Amino acid sequence: MKNVTVSMEDDVAEWARLEAARRNTSVSRLIGEMLAEKMRHDDAYERAMREALEWRSWGKSSGPRVKPDDVSERRRS
């Protein structure tokens, strides 16, 4: 575990102190948990985006495309 120094506006520091007290933890632990959650969220988003882009490119082909009118005609049949 690393120690770091963080600078913030006075009102933000006051909020952090109150929030940490409400959660019965330290400001240091509160900030660490918030950053860890942000990291997990960002990692999950990046993974989902990569998977979505892979899925999107998977369906592409060099063959002929179906025209919207053809799809409508097939539905009526």
C-alpha atoms as a PDB file:
ATOM      1  CA  MET A   1       0.000   0.000   0.000  1.00  0.00           C
ATOM      2  CA  LYS A   2       1.318   3.452  -0.946  1.00  0.00           C
ATOM      3  CA  ASN A   3       0.916   6.711   0.912  1.00  0.00           C
ATOM      4  CA  VAL A   4       0.091   9.769  -1.179  1.00  0.00           C
ATOM      5  CA  THR A   5      -0.634  13.392  -0.446  1.00  0.00           C
ATOM      6  CA  VAL A   6      -3.826  14.808  -1.902  1.00  0.00           C
ATOM      7  CA  SER A   7      -4.678  18.490  -2.216  1.00  0.00           C
ATOM      8  CA  MET A   8      -8.314  19.588  -2.385  1.00  0.00           C
ATOM      9  CA  GLU A   9     -10.543  22.567  -1.796  1.00  0.00           C
ATOM     10  CA  ASP A  10     -11.484  23.230   1.829  1.00  0.00           C
ATOM     11  CA  ASP A  11     -15.169  22.459   1.290  1.00  0.00           C
ATOM     12  CA  VAL A  12     -14.290  19.142  -0.385  1.00  0.00           C
ATOM     13  CA  ALA A  13     -12.002  18.222   2.519  1.00  0.00           C
ATOM     14  CA  GLU A  14     -14.780  19.052   4.988  1.00  0.00           C
ATOM     15  CA  TRP A  15     -17.241  16.893   3.063  1.00  0.00           C
ATOM     16  CA  ALA A  16     -14.699  14.050   3.002  1.00  0.00           C
ATOM     17  CA  ARG A  17     -14.190  14.293   6.768  1.00  0.00           C
ATOM     18  CA  LEU A  18     -17.940  14.228   7.412  1.00  0.00           C
ATOM     19  CA  GLU A  19     -18.527  11.379   4.956  1.00  0.00           C
ATOM     20  CA  ALA A  20     -15.680   9.344   6.430  1.00  0.00           C
ATOM     21  CA  ALA A  21     -17.088   9.885   9.929  1.00  0.00           C
ATOM     22  CA  ARG A  22     -20.559   8.870   8.740  1.00  0.00           C
ATOM     23  CA  ARG A  23     -19.075   5.649   7.328  1.00  0.00           C
ATOM     24  CA  ASN A  24     -16.924   5.134  10.420  1.00  0.00           C
ATOM     25  CA  THR A  25     -13.686   5.161   8.425  1.00  0.00           C
ATOM     26  CA  SER A  26     -10.764   7.469   7.717  1.00  0.00           C
ATOM     27  CA  VAL A  27     -10.582  10.053   4.950  1.00  0.00           C
ATOM     28  CA  SER A  28      -7.630   8.139   3.549  1.00  0.00           C
ATOM     29  CA  ARG A  29      -9.588   4.867   3.386  1.00  0.00           C
ATOM     30  CA  LEU A  30     -12.665   6.649   2.006  1.00  0.00           C
ATOM     31  CA  ILE A  31     -10.683   8.187  -0.850  1.00  0.00           C
ATOM     32  CA  GLY A  32      -8.894   4.900  -1.512  1.00  0.00           C
ATOM     33  CA  GLU A  33     -12.210   3.026  -1.707  1.00  0.00           C
ATOM     34  CA  MET A  34     -13.709   5.670  -3.995  1.00  0.00           C
ATOM     35  CA  LEU A  35     -10.731   5.494  -6.344  1.00  0.00           C
ATOM     36  CA  ALA A  36     -10.781   1.682  -6.335  1.00  0.00           C
ATOM     37  CA  GLU A  37     -14.487   1.717  -7.234  1.00  0.00           C
ATOM     38  CA  LYS A  38     -13.826   4.222 -10.029  1.00  0.00           C
ATOM     39  CA  MET A  39     -11.026   2.005 -11.332  1.00  0.00           C
ATOM     40  CA  ARG A  40     -13.290  -1.099 -11.324  1.00  0.00           C
ATOM     41  CA  HIS A  41     -16.064   0.843 -13.060  1.00  0.00           C
ATOM     42  CA  ASP A  42     -13.721   2.190 -15.739  1.00  0.00           C
ATOM     43  CA  ASP A  43     -12.185  -1.253 -16.300  1.00  0.00           C
ATOM     44  CA  ALA A  44     -15.641  -2.813 -16.648  1.00  0.00           C
ATOM     45  CA  TYR A  45     -16.685  -0.083 -19.091  1.00  0.00           C
ATOM     46  CA  GLU A  46     -13.562  -0.564 -21.193  1.00  0.00           C
ATOM     47  CA  ARG A  47     -14.104  -4.339 -21.250  1.00  0.00           C
ATOM     48  CA  ALA A  48     -17.749  -3.935 -22.264  1.00  0.00           C
ATOM     49  CA  MET A  49     -16.843  -1.428 -24.967  1.00  0.00           C
ATOM     50  CA  ARG A  50     -14.168  -3.739 -26.375  1.00  0.00           C
ATOM     51  CA  GLU A  51     -16.607  -6.670 -26.390  1.00  0.00           C
ATOM     52  CA  ALA A  52     -19.306  -4.573 -28.059  1.00  0.00           C
ATOM     53  CA  LEU A  53     -16.907  -3.417 -30.753  1.00  0.00           C
ATOM     54  CA  GLU A  54     -15.707  -6.980 -31.325  1.00  0.00           C
ATOM     55  CA  TRP A  55     -19.297  -8.195 -31.587  1.00  0.00           C
ATOM     56  CA  ARG A  56     -20.141  -5.382 -33.973  1.00  0.00           C
ATOM     57  CA  SER A  57     -17.198  -6.158 -36.247  1.00  0.00           C
ATOM     58  CA  TRP A  58     -17.927  -9.897 -36.035  1.00  0.00           C
ATOM     59  CA  GLY A  59     -21.213  -9.439 -37.910  1.00  0.00           C
ATOM     60  CA  LYS A  60     -19.628  -7.566 -40.815  1.00  0.00           C
ATOM     61  CA  SER A  61     -19.106  -9.374 -44.067  1.00  0.00           C
ATOM     62  CA  SER A  62     -17.964  -8.499 -47.544  1.00  0.00           C
ATOM     63  CA  GLY A  63     -21.101 -10.043 -49.042  1.00  0.00           C
ATOM     64  CA  PRO A  64     -24.149  -8.184 -50.333  1.00  0.00           C
ATOM     65  CA  ARG A  65     -26.244  -6.245 -47.851  1.00  0.00           C
ATOM     66  CA  VAL A  66     -29.967  -6.776 -47.412  1.00  0.00           C
ATOM     67  CA  LYS A  67     -31.971  -3.703 -48.363  1.00  0.00           C
ATOM     68  CA  PRO A  68     -34.676  -2.461 -45.957  1.00  0.00           C
ATOM     69  CA  ASP A  69     -37.310  -2.951 -48.671  1.00  0.00           C
ATOM     70  CA  ASP A  70     -36.300  -6.616 -49.000  1.00  0.00           C
ATOM     71  CA  VAL A  71     -36.740  -7.106 -45.260  1.00  0.00           C
ATOM     72  CA  SER A  72     -40.193  -5.496 -45.363  1.00  0.00           C
ATOM     73  CA  GLU A  73     -41.180  -7.690 -48.307  1.00  0.00           C
ATOM     74  CA  ARG A  74     -40.022 -10.840 -46.474  1.00  0.00           C
ATOM     75  CA  ARG A  75     -42.096  -9.915 -43.408  1.00  0.00           C
ATOM     76  CA  ARG A  76     -45.247  -9.556 -45.528  1.00  0.00           C
ATOM     77  CA  SER A  77     -44.745 -13.023 -47.045  1.00  0.00           C
END
